[in-house]
Amino acid sequence: MVERRKYKRLEVPLPLRMKLLGMAEYGRGIKMITRNVSLDGLLIETQIFLENDILLIQKGEESVKLDSFLVSNGNPIELDIKVPPDGKMVRATVRVKWYYLGSRGESYYFRTGISLEKMGVEDEKRWANFIRTTA
């Protein structure tokens, strides 16, 4: 298999908040953690829940249906990523490149490849510096 990635992936778990732009019902965002990151993208994997025949990314007071995410029709998504060492947030507009639903025994997971599309100048510098110093 030919490797198509431009940048090396770093196995770094970073907390983030994902907002589906144009979907006001999820205004506070969805909390997730990265599995790996690179200069131009990241991989997110999160547990999903089956409740009353509905797949949920997040359970509780603000449950989020997975189908809302999957049918976002390519709408941009906004991420706030907490970057070490100071824990400052980096904001990026991203797009889903691919996704996969899987299971491990009795539990389910959702994995998605994200392309970083747009960042502010300072956020882009902070992200690049984090990637360079972590590699």
C-alpha atoms as a PDB file:
ATOM      1  CA  MET A   1       0.000   0.000   0.000  1.00  0.00           C
ATOM      2  CA  VAL A   2       1.339   3.426  -0.962  1.00  0.00           C
ATOM      3  CA  GLU A   3       1.504   6.048   1.785  1.00  0.00           C
ATOM      4  CA  ARG A   4      -0.366   9.202   0.656  1.00  0.00           C
ATOM      5  CA  ARG A   5       0.140  11.351   3.737  1.00  0.00           C
ATOM      6  CA  LYS A   6       2.179  14.519   3.370  1.00  0.00           C
ATOM      7  CA  TYR A   7       3.004  14.835   7.069  1.00  0.00           C
ATOM      8  CA  LYS A   8       3.981  12.442   9.825  1.00  0.00           C
ATOM      9  CA  ARG A   9       1.222  11.590  12.331  1.00  0.00           C
ATOM     10  CA  LEU A  10       1.875  12.147  16.023  1.00  0.00           C
ATOM     11  CA  GLU A  11       0.091   9.873  18.507  1.00  0.00           C
ATOM     12  CA  VAL A  12      -1.120  12.637  20.824  1.00  0.00           C
ATOM     13  CA  PRO A  13      -4.427  12.695  22.727  1.00  0.00           C
ATOM     14  CA  LEU A  14      -5.649  16.307  22.697  1.00  0.00           C
ATOM     15  CA  PRO A  15      -9.014  17.379  24.114  1.00  0.00           C
ATOM     16  CA  LEU A  16     -11.194  19.334  21.723  1.00  0.00           C
ATOM     17  CA  ARG A  17     -14.679  20.688  21.268  1.00  0.00           C
ATOM     18  CA  MET A  18     -16.360  20.169  17.899  1.00  0.00           C
ATOM     19  CA  LYS A  19     -19.155  22.441  16.674  1.00  0.00           C
ATOM     20  CA  LEU A  20     -21.263  21.528  13.678  1.00  0.00           C
ATOM     21  CA  LEU A  21     -21.638  24.908  11.967  1.00  0.00           C
ATOM     22  CA  GLY A  22     -25.153  25.623  10.823  1.00  0.00           C
ATOM     23  CA  MET A  23     -26.633  23.235  13.383  1.00  0.00           C
ATOM     24  CA  ALA A  24     -27.672  25.506  16.244  1.00  0.00           C
ATOM     25  CA  GLU A  25     -29.015  22.646  18.372  1.00  0.00           C
ATOM     26  CA  TYR A  26     -25.411  21.669  19.155  1.00  0.00           C
ATOM     27  CA  GLY A  27     -24.202  25.170  20.004  1.00  0.00           C
ATOM     28  CA  ARG A  28     -22.045  24.123  22.965  1.00  0.00           C
ATOM     29  CA  GLY A  29     -20.220  21.568  20.876  1.00  0.00           C
ATOM     30  CA  ILE A  30     -19.235  17.956  21.257  1.00  0.00           C
ATOM     31  CA  LYS A  31     -16.310  17.011  23.492  1.00  0.00           C
ATOM     32  CA  MET A  32     -13.839  14.591  21.902  1.00  0.00           C
ATOM     33  CA  ILE A  33     -10.164  13.595  22.023  1.00  0.00           C
ATOM     34  CA  THR A  34      -7.732  13.188  19.150  1.00  0.00           C
ATOM     35  CA  ARG A  35      -6.059   9.874  18.458  1.00  0.00           C
ATOM     36  CA  ASN A  36      -3.331  11.380  16.283  1.00  0.00           C
ATOM     37  CA  VAL A  37      -2.499  14.752  14.732  1.00  0.00           C
ATOM     38  CA  SER A  38      -0.395  16.220  11.932  1.00  0.00           C
ATOM     39  CA  LEU A  39       0.265  19.636  10.464  1.00  0.00           C
ATOM     40  CA  ASP A  40      -2.728  19.395   8.118  1.00  0.00           C
ATOM     41  CA  GLY A  41      -5.172  17.080   9.878  1.00  0.00           C
ATOM     42  CA  LEU A  42      -6.124  14.827  12.747  1.00  0.00           C
ATOM     43  CA  LEU A  43      -7.844  11.597  13.596  1.00  0.00           C
ATOM     44  CA  ILE A  44     -10.600  11.509  16.168  1.00  0.00           C
ATOM     45  CA  GLU A  45     -11.955   8.351  17.697  1.00  0.00           C
ATOM     46  CA  THR A  46     -14.753   8.357  20.223  1.00  0.00           C
ATOM     47  CA  GLN A  47     -17.099   5.899  21.814  1.00  0.00           C
ATOM     48  CA  ILE A  48     -20.651   5.964  20.510  1.00  0.00           C
ATOM     49  CA  PHE A  49     -23.740   4.714  22.266  1.00  0.00           C
ATOM     50  CA  LEU A  50     -26.803   2.863  21.058  1.00  0.00           C
ATOM     51  CA  GLU A  51     -29.889   4.114  22.854  1.00  0.00           C
ATOM     52  CA  ASN A  52     -33.428   3.289  21.671  1.00  0.00           C
ATOM     53  CA  ASP A  53     -32.009   2.272  18.256  1.00  0.00           C
ATOM     54  CA  ILE A  54     -30.306   5.678  17.861  1.00  0.00           C
ATOM     55  CA  LEU A  55     -26.519   6.089  17.686  1.00  0.00           C
ATOM     56  CA  LEU A  56     -25.274   8.896  19.947  1.00  0.00           C
ATOM     57  CA  ILE A  57     -21.848  10.528  20.025  1.00  0.00           C
ATOM     58  CA  GLN A  58     -22.520  11.998  23.437  1.00  0.00           C
ATOM     59  CA  LYS A  59     -25.018  10.876  26.051  1.00  0.00           C
ATOM     60  CA  GLY A  60     -26.667  12.816  28.808  1.00  0.00           C
ATOM     61  CA  GLU A  61     -28.364  16.177  29.063  1.00  0.00           C
ATOM     62  CA  GLU A  62     -27.156  17.197  25.621  1.00  0.00           C
ATOM     63  CA  SER A  63     -27.216  13.967  23.645  1.00  0.00           C
ATOM     64  CA  VAL A  64     -25.888  14.281  20.096  1.00  0.00           C
ATOM     65  CA  LYS A  65     -27.198  11.990  17.389  1.00  0.00           C
ATOM     66  CA  LEU A  66     -24.458  10.600  15.195  1.00  0.00           C
ATOM     67  CA  ASP A  67     -26.630  10.936  12.093  1.00  0.00           C
ATOM     68  CA  SER A  68     -26.621  14.739  12.537  1.00  0.00           C
ATOM     69  CA  PHE A  69     -22.867  14.610  12.150  1.00  0.00           C
ATOM     70  CA  LEU A  70     -22.918  12.187   9.238  1.00  0.00           C
ATOM     71  CA  VAL A  71     -25.481  14.161   7.240  1.00  0.00           C
ATOM     72  CA  SER A  72     -23.872  17.555   7.755  1.00  0.00           C
ATOM     73  CA  ASN A  73     -23.555  17.576   3.925  1.00  0.00           C
ATOM     74  CA  GLY A  74     -19.938  18.638   3.945  1.00  0.00           C
ATOM     75  CA  ASN A  75     -20.747  21.715   6.033  1.00  0.00           C
ATOM     76  CA  PRO A  76     -17.693  23.068   7.787  1.00  0.00           C
ATOM     77  CA  ILE A  77     -17.029  22.071  11.341  1.00  0.00           C
ATOM     78  CA  GLU A  78     -15.290  24.236  13.911  1.00  0.00           C
ATOM     79  CA  LEU A  79     -12.802  22.743  16.366  1.00  0.00           C
ATOM     80  CA  ASP A  80     -11.349  24.277  19.490  1.00  0.00           C
ATOM     81  CA  ILE A  81      -8.262  22.182  20.261  1.00  0.00           C
ATOM     82  CA  LYS A  82      -6.469  22.423  23.605  1.00  0.00           C
ATOM     83  CA  VAL A  83      -2.749  22.558  22.817  1.00  0.00           C
ATOM     84  CA  PRO A  84       0.006  21.853  25.373  1.00  0.00           C
ATOM     85  CA  PRO A  85       2.013  22.959  27.211  1.00  0.00           C
ATOM     86  CA  ASP A  86      -0.028  26.035  28.173  1.00  0.00           C
ATOM     87  CA  GLY A  87      -3.454  24.571  27.345  1.00  0.00           C
ATOM     88  CA  LYS A  88      -4.403  27.468  25.076  1.00  0.00           C
ATOM     89  CA  MET A  89      -7.109  26.780  22.537  1.00  0.00           C
ATOM     90  CA  VAL A  90      -6.471  26.725  18.797  1.00  0.00           C
ATOM     91  CA  ARG A  91      -9.535  27.264  16.612  1.00  0.00           C
ATOM     92  CA  ALA A  92      -9.774  25.655  13.182  1.00  0.00           C
ATOM     93  CA  THR A  93     -12.425  25.236  10.537  1.00  0.00           C
ATOM     94  CA  VAL A  94     -12.222  21.652   9.313  1.00  0.00           C
ATOM     95  CA  ARG A  95     -13.860  19.159   6.970  1.00  0.00           C
ATOM     96  CA  VAL A  96     -14.500  15.454   7.418  1.00  0.00           C
ATOM     97  CA  LYS A  97     -12.498  13.481   4.849  1.00  0.00           C
ATOM     98  CA  TRP A  98     -13.694  10.017   5.860  1.00  0.00           C
ATOM     99  CA  TYR A  99     -15.349   8.178   8.741  1.00  0.00           C
ATOM    100  CA  TYR A 100     -15.717   4.643  10.022  1.00  0.00           C
ATOM    101  CA  LEU A 101     -18.134   3.026  12.462  1.00  0.00           C
ATOM    102  CA  GLY A 102     -16.852  -0.018  14.289  1.00  0.00           C
ATOM    103  CA  SER A 103     -17.405  -2.203  17.299  1.00  0.00           C
ATOM    104  CA  ARG A 104     -15.307  -3.839  19.981  1.00  0.00           C
ATOM    105  CA  GLY A 105     -17.306  -6.502  21.725  1.00  0.00           C
ATOM    106  CA  GLU A 106     -20.394  -4.817  23.164  1.00  0.00           C
ATOM    107  CA  SER A 107     -19.229  -1.229  22.558  1.00  0.00           C
ATOM    108  CA  TYR A 108     -19.196   0.910  19.409  1.00  0.00           C
ATOM    109  CA  TYR A 109     -16.822   3.593  18.186  1.00  0.00           C
ATOM    110  CA  PHE A 110     -16.719   6.330  15.587  1.00  0.00           C
ATOM    111  CA  ARG A 111     -13.446   7.225  13.871  1.00  0.00           C
ATOM    112  CA  THR A 112     -13.044  10.165  11.506  1.00  0.00           C
ATOM    113  CA  GLY A 113     -10.240  11.735   9.481  1.00  0.00           C
ATOM    114  CA  ILE A 114     -10.327  15.523   9.629  1.00  0.00           C
ATOM    115  CA  SER A 115      -8.647  17.989   7.284  1.00  0.00           C
ATOM    116  CA  LEU A 116      -7.626  21.343   8.766  1.00  0.00           C
ATOM    117  CA  GLU A 117      -8.976  23.924   6.319  1.00  0.00           C
ATOM    118  CA  LYS A 118      -8.630  27.337   7.969  1.00  0.00           C
ATOM    119  CA  MET A 119      -6.972  28.853  11.061  1.00  0.00           C
ATOM    120  CA  GLY A 120      -6.239  32.360  12.223  1.00  0.00           C
ATOM    121  CA  VAL A 121      -2.625  33.464  11.830  1.00  0.00           C
ATOM    122  CA  GLU A 122      -1.757  33.121  15.537  1.00  0.00           C
ATOM    123  CA  ASP A 123      -3.556  29.783  15.850  1.00  0.00           C
ATOM    124  CA  GLU A 124      -1.740  28.462  12.789  1.00  0.00           C
ATOM    125  CA  LYS A 125       1.626  29.499  14.285  1.00  0.00           C
ATOM    126  CA  ARG A 126       0.764  27.904  17.645  1.00  0.00           C
ATOM    127  CA  TRP A 127      -0.358  24.663  15.925  1.00  0.00           C
ATOM    128  CA  ALA A 128       2.757  24.478  13.705  1.00  0.00           C
ATOM    129  CA  ASN A 129       4.997  25.134  16.709  1.00  0.00           C
ATOM    130  CA  PHE A 130       3.251  22.401  18.720  1.00  0.00           C
ATOM    131  CA  ILE A 131       3.638  19.889  15.876  1.00  0.00           C
ATOM    132  CA  ARG A 132       7.303  20.809  15.298  1.00  0.00           C
ATOM    133  CA  THR A 133       8.286  20.612  18.997  1.00  0.00           C
ATOM    134  CA  THR A 134       6.331  17.392  19.611  1.00  0.00           C
ATOM    135  CA  ALA A 135       7.724  15.456  16.624  1.00  0.00           C
END
